[in-house]
Amino acid sequence: AGKRIGNVFVKKVKYSKHFLRIGQAWGIDSEVFDLAEREGCNEILIKDEETGKIYRTTFENYRSKSWVNDFGFGSQRFLAEKYFEIVNPNQEEFEWK
C-alpha cells in the first residue's frame, strides 16, 4: 500500500503487476491516499522495482488529475503516467525499505 516518510508518501510497485495499462496509470488505494494527505504528505514517489524508475508528483497534482475506479480490489485513485516526473533514484535521501 505504501508508507509515509516525512511529508512524502512512497510506494514500491512492479510494472507487470501494478501498472494499469488501459489508462497508462499508477494507482493508490483511495483510503490510503486520503489518510496520507490528512497526515501532511505533499509529495508522492512511486518506485517501479522492475525498471528502477521513480515517479514523482505532488498530492495536489494527483488529486486534481486522477480518477477513481474499483476493479474489484477496492476504490483506487489512478493518475496517468504522463503526469509524473521521472527522477534519478540517487537523488533521494531515504532508504526504500
N, C-alpha and C. Protein backbone atom coordinates (compact mmCIF):
# COMPACT_ATOMS: atom_id res chain seq x y z
N ALA A 1 0.81 -1.20 0.00
CA ALA A 1 0.00 0.00 0.00
C ALA A 1 0.85 1.25 0.00
N GLY A 2 2.05 1.20 0.53
CA GLY A 2 2.91 2.36 0.61
C GLY A 2 3.07 2.81 2.05
N LYS A 3 3.94 3.81 2.25
CA LYS A 3 4.18 4.32 3.60
C LYS A 3 4.58 5.78 3.53
N ARG A 4 4.52 6.42 4.67
CA ARG A 4 4.89 7.83 4.78
C ARG A 4 6.30 7.93 5.33
N ILE A 5 7.12 8.73 4.69
CA ILE A 5 8.45 9.07 5.19
C ILE A 5 8.51 10.59 5.19
N GLY A 6 8.42 11.17 6.39
CA GLY A 6 8.32 12.62 6.49
C GLY A 6 7.05 13.10 5.84
N ASN A 7 7.18 14.02 4.90
CA ASN A 7 5.99 14.51 4.19
C ASN A 7 5.84 13.89 2.81
N VAL A 8 6.50 12.74 2.61
CA VAL A 8 6.47 12.06 1.31
C VAL A 8 5.80 10.69 1.47
N PHE A 9 4.86 10.39 0.57
CA PHE A 9 4.25 9.06 0.51
C PHE A 9 5.04 8.27 -0.52
N VAL A 10 5.58 7.12 -0.11
CA VAL A 10 6.38 6.29 -1.01
C VAL A 10 5.70 4.93 -1.19
N LYS A 11 5.81 4.42 -2.40
CA LYS A 11 5.18 3.14 -2.72
C LYS A 11 6.07 2.39 -3.69
N LYS A 12 6.33 1.11 -3.39
CA LYS A 12 7.06 0.24 -4.31
C LYS A 12 6.05 -0.55 -5.12
N VAL A 13 6.31 -0.67 -6.41
CA VAL A 13 5.42 -1.40 -7.31
C VAL A 13 6.23 -2.25 -8.28
N LYS A 14 5.53 -3.11 -9.00
CA LYS A 14 6.12 -3.85 -10.11
C LYS A 14 5.25 -3.59 -11.33
N TYR A 15 5.87 -3.06 -12.36
CA TYR A 15 5.15 -2.67 -13.57
C TYR A 15 4.23 -3.79 -14.07
N SER A 16 4.76 -5.00 -14.16
CA SER A 16 3.99 -6.11 -14.74
C SER A 16 2.74 -6.44 -13.93
N LYS A 17 2.73 -6.09 -12.67
CA LYS A 17 1.61 -6.43 -11.80
C LYS A 17 0.72 -5.23 -11.46
N HIS A 18 1.28 -4.04 -11.33
CA HIS A 18 0.56 -2.90 -10.78
C HIS A 18 0.19 -1.79 -11.77
N PHE A 19 0.80 -1.77 -12.94
CA PHE A 19 0.52 -0.68 -13.89
C PHE A 19 -0.81 -0.92 -14.59
N LEU A 20 -1.69 0.08 -14.59
CA LEU A 20 -2.98 -0.01 -15.26
C LEU A 20 -2.77 0.34 -16.73
N ARG A 21 -2.75 -0.68 -17.56
CA ARG A 21 -2.43 -0.46 -18.97
C ARG A 21 -3.55 0.29 -19.71
N ILE A 22 -4.80 0.05 -19.33
CA ILE A 22 -5.92 0.69 -20.02
C ILE A 22 -5.80 2.22 -19.94
N GLY A 23 -5.43 2.74 -18.79
CA GLY A 23 -5.31 4.19 -18.63
C GLY A 23 -3.88 4.67 -18.58
N GLN A 24 -2.91 3.74 -18.78
CA GLN A 24 -1.49 4.09 -18.69
C GLN A 24 -1.23 4.83 -17.38
N ALA A 25 -1.61 4.20 -16.25
CA ALA A 25 -1.62 4.91 -14.97
C ALA A 25 -1.14 4.04 -13.82
N TRP A 26 -0.75 4.73 -12.76
CA TRP A 26 -0.42 4.11 -11.48
C TRP A 26 -1.56 4.41 -10.51
N GLY A 27 -1.85 3.45 -9.62
CA GLY A 27 -2.95 3.62 -8.69
C GLY A 27 -2.52 3.57 -7.23
N ILE A 28 -3.30 4.24 -6.40
CA ILE A 28 -3.14 4.23 -4.95
C ILE A 28 -4.53 4.00 -4.35
N ASP A 29 -4.62 3.10 -3.39
CA ASP A 29 -5.91 2.89 -2.71
C ASP A 29 -6.44 4.23 -2.23
N SER A 30 -7.72 4.48 -2.47
CA SER A 30 -8.32 5.76 -2.12
C SER A 30 -8.18 6.08 -0.63
N GLU A 31 -8.43 5.09 0.22
CA GLU A 31 -8.33 5.32 1.66
C GLU A 31 -6.90 5.65 2.08
N VAL A 32 -5.93 4.97 1.49
CA VAL A 32 -4.52 5.22 1.79
C VAL A 32 -4.13 6.62 1.33
N PHE A 33 -4.56 7.00 0.14
CA PHE A 33 -4.28 8.34 -0.38
C PHE A 33 -4.83 9.41 0.56
N ASP A 34 -6.10 9.27 0.94
CA ASP A 34 -6.74 10.25 1.81
C ASP A 34 -6.06 10.34 3.17
N LEU A 35 -5.68 9.20 3.74
CA LEU A 35 -5.00 9.18 5.04
C LEU A 35 -3.64 9.88 4.95
N ALA A 36 -2.86 9.55 3.92
CA ALA A 36 -1.53 10.16 3.76
C ALA A 36 -1.65 11.67 3.59
N GLU A 37 -2.66 12.10 2.86
CA GLU A 37 -2.87 13.54 2.66
C GLU A 37 -3.25 14.21 3.98
N ARG A 38 -4.14 13.58 4.75
CA ARG A 38 -4.53 14.14 6.06
C ARG A 38 -3.34 14.20 7.02
N GLU A 39 -2.41 13.26 6.88
CA GLU A 39 -1.24 13.23 7.75
C GLU A 39 -0.14 14.20 7.31
N GLY A 40 -0.40 14.96 6.26
CA GLY A 40 0.53 16.01 5.87
C GLY A 40 1.45 15.70 4.71
N CYS A 41 1.27 14.58 4.05
CA CYS A 41 2.11 14.30 2.88
C CYS A 41 1.75 15.28 1.76
N ASN A 42 2.77 15.76 1.08
CA ASN A 42 2.52 16.68 -0.03
C ASN A 42 3.20 16.22 -1.32
N GLU A 43 3.86 15.07 -1.25
CA GLU A 43 4.55 14.55 -2.43
C GLU A 43 4.38 13.04 -2.48
N ILE A 44 4.37 12.49 -3.69
CA ILE A 44 4.24 11.05 -3.90
C ILE A 44 5.41 10.58 -4.73
N LEU A 45 6.05 9.49 -4.28
CA LEU A 45 7.09 8.83 -5.06
C LEU A 45 6.67 7.37 -5.24
N ILE A 46 6.68 6.91 -6.47
CA ILE A 46 6.37 5.52 -6.78
C ILE A 46 7.60 4.92 -7.44
N LYS A 47 8.12 3.86 -6.84
CA LYS A 47 9.32 3.21 -7.40
C LYS A 47 8.93 1.90 -8.05
N ASP A 48 9.22 1.79 -9.34
CA ASP A 48 8.99 0.55 -10.07
C ASP A 48 10.23 -0.32 -9.89
N GLU A 49 10.07 -1.41 -9.15
CA GLU A 49 11.20 -2.29 -8.86
C GLU A 49 11.69 -3.05 -10.07
N GLU A 50 10.88 -3.14 -11.12
CA GLU A 50 11.31 -3.86 -12.33
C GLU A 50 12.17 -2.99 -13.24
N THR A 51 11.86 -1.71 -13.35
CA THR A 51 12.62 -0.83 -14.24
C THR A 51 13.60 0.06 -13.48
N GLY A 52 13.39 0.22 -12.17
CA GLY A 52 14.21 1.12 -11.38
C GLY A 52 13.78 2.57 -11.45
N LYS A 53 12.77 2.87 -12.26
CA LYS A 53 12.29 4.24 -12.38
C LYS A 53 11.57 4.67 -11.11
N ILE A 54 11.74 5.94 -10.77
CA ILE A 54 10.99 6.53 -9.66
C ILE A 54 10.16 7.67 -10.25
N TYR A 55 8.86 7.59 -9.98
CA TYR A 55 7.90 8.57 -10.48
C TYR A 55 7.54 9.51 -9.34
N ARG A 56 7.54 10.81 -9.62
CA ARG A 56 7.27 11.83 -8.59
C ARG A 56 6.13 12.74 -9.04
N THR A 57 5.28 13.09 -8.07
CA THR A 57 4.25 14.10 -8.29
C THR A 57 3.82 14.66 -6.94
N THR A 58 3.06 15.72 -6.98
CA THR A 58 2.53 16.31 -5.75
C THR A 58 1.15 15.72 -5.47
N PHE A 59 0.72 15.82 -4.21
CA PHE A 59 -0.63 15.38 -3.86
C PHE A 59 -1.66 16.24 -4.60
N GLU A 60 -1.38 17.52 -4.71
CA GLU A 60 -2.31 18.42 -5.40
C GLU A 60 -2.51 17.98 -6.86
N ASN A 61 -1.40 17.67 -7.54
CA ASN A 61 -1.47 17.21 -8.92
C ASN A 61 -2.22 15.88 -9.01
N TYR A 62 -1.90 14.97 -8.10
CA TYR A 62 -2.54 13.65 -8.12
C TYR A 62 -4.04 13.79 -7.92
N ARG A 63 -4.44 14.58 -6.92
CA ARG A 63 -5.87 14.73 -6.64
C ARG A 63 -6.61 15.39 -7.81
N SER A 64 -6.01 16.42 -8.41
CA SER A 64 -6.72 17.18 -9.45
C SER A 64 -6.79 16.45 -10.79
N LYS A 65 -5.84 15.57 -11.07
CA LYS A 65 -5.79 14.93 -12.39
C LYS A 65 -6.11 13.43 -12.36
N SER A 66 -6.33 12.88 -11.19
CA SER A 66 -6.60 11.44 -11.10
C SER A 66 -8.08 11.14 -11.21
N TRP A 67 -8.39 9.87 -11.41
CA TRP A 67 -9.78 9.42 -11.42
C TRP A 67 -9.89 8.22 -10.48
N VAL A 68 -11.11 7.97 -10.02
CA VAL A 68 -11.36 6.90 -9.06
C VAL A 68 -12.10 5.77 -9.77
N ASN A 69 -11.65 4.53 -9.48
CA ASN A 69 -12.32 3.36 -10.04
C ASN A 69 -12.11 2.19 -9.10
N ASP A 70 -12.95 1.19 -9.22
CA ASP A 70 -12.83 -0.04 -8.44
C ASP A 70 -12.88 -1.20 -9.42
N PHE A 71 -11.74 -1.86 -9.59
CA PHE A 71 -11.64 -3.00 -10.50
C PHE A 71 -11.73 -4.32 -9.72
N GLY A 72 -12.39 -4.28 -8.56
CA GLY A 72 -12.54 -5.49 -7.75
C GLY A 72 -11.56 -5.59 -6.60
N PHE A 73 -10.72 -4.59 -6.44
CA PHE A 73 -9.73 -4.58 -5.36
C PHE A 73 -9.97 -3.43 -4.39
N GLY A 74 -11.13 -2.81 -4.46
CA GLY A 74 -11.43 -1.63 -3.64
C GLY A 74 -11.20 -0.37 -4.45
N SER A 75 -11.71 0.72 -3.93
CA SER A 75 -11.60 2.01 -4.60
C SER A 75 -10.14 2.46 -4.68
N GLN A 76 -9.72 2.85 -5.89
CA GLN A 76 -8.37 3.34 -6.10
C GLN A 76 -8.42 4.64 -6.90
N ARG A 77 -7.42 5.51 -6.63
CA ARG A 77 -7.22 6.73 -7.43
C ARG A 77 -6.10 6.44 -8.42
N PHE A 78 -6.34 6.71 -9.69
CA PHE A 78 -5.36 6.45 -10.74
C PHE A 78 -4.91 7.76 -11.37
N LEU A 79 -3.59 7.85 -11.59
CA LEU A 79 -3.03 9.01 -12.26
C LEU A 79 -2.19 8.53 -13.44
N ALA A 80 -2.47 9.09 -14.62
CA ALA A 80 -1.75 8.71 -15.83
C ALA A 80 -0.25 8.98 -15.67
N GLU A 81 0.53 8.08 -16.19
CA GLU A 81 1.99 8.17 -16.10
C GLU A 81 2.52 9.49 -16.63
N LYS A 82 1.85 10.07 -17.63
CA LYS A 82 2.33 11.32 -18.23
C LYS A 82 2.32 12.50 -17.26
N TYR A 83 1.60 12.38 -16.14
CA TYR A 83 1.54 13.46 -15.15
C TYR A 83 2.61 13.33 -14.06
N PHE A 84 3.45 12.32 -14.16
CA PHE A 84 4.55 12.14 -13.22
C PHE A 84 5.85 12.64 -13.83
N GLU A 85 6.75 13.05 -12.97
CA GLU A 85 8.13 13.36 -13.36
C GLU A 85 8.94 12.12 -13.01
N ILE A 86 9.85 11.71 -13.88
CA ILE A 86 10.74 10.59 -13.57
C ILE A 86 12.02 11.17 -13.00
N VAL A 87 12.41 10.68 -11.81
CA VAL A 87 13.57 11.23 -11.12
C VAL A 87 14.67 10.19 -10.99
N ASN A 88 15.86 10.68 -10.75
CA ASN A 88 17.03 9.83 -10.55
C ASN A 88 16.99 9.23 -9.14
N PRO A 89 17.04 7.91 -9.02
CA PRO A 89 16.96 7.30 -7.69
C PRO A 89 18.09 7.74 -6.76
N ASN A 90 19.22 8.16 -7.30
CA ASN A 90 20.35 8.59 -6.45
C ASN A 90 20.10 9.95 -5.81
N GLN A 91 19.07 10.67 -6.27
CA GLN A 91 18.74 11.97 -5.70
C GLN A 91 17.93 11.85 -4.42
N GLU A 92 17.39 10.68 -4.15
CA GLU A 92 16.52 10.50 -2.99
C GLU A 92 17.36 10.33 -1.73
N GLU A 93 16.90 10.95 -0.65
CA GLU A 93 17.66 10.98 0.59
C GLU A 93 17.19 9.97 1.62
N PHE A 94 16.39 8.99 1.23
CA PHE A 94 15.93 7.99 2.18
C PHE A 94 16.02 6.60 1.57
N GLU A 95 15.93 5.60 2.43
CA GLU A 95 16.01 4.20 2.01
C GLU A 95 14.63 3.71 1.57
N TRP A 96 14.60 2.87 0.57
CA TRP A 96 13.36 2.27 0.08
C TRP A 96 13.18 0.90 0.72
N LYS A 97 13.02 0.86 2.04
CA LYS A 97 12.89 -0.41 2.75
C LYS A 97 11.45 -0.82 2.87
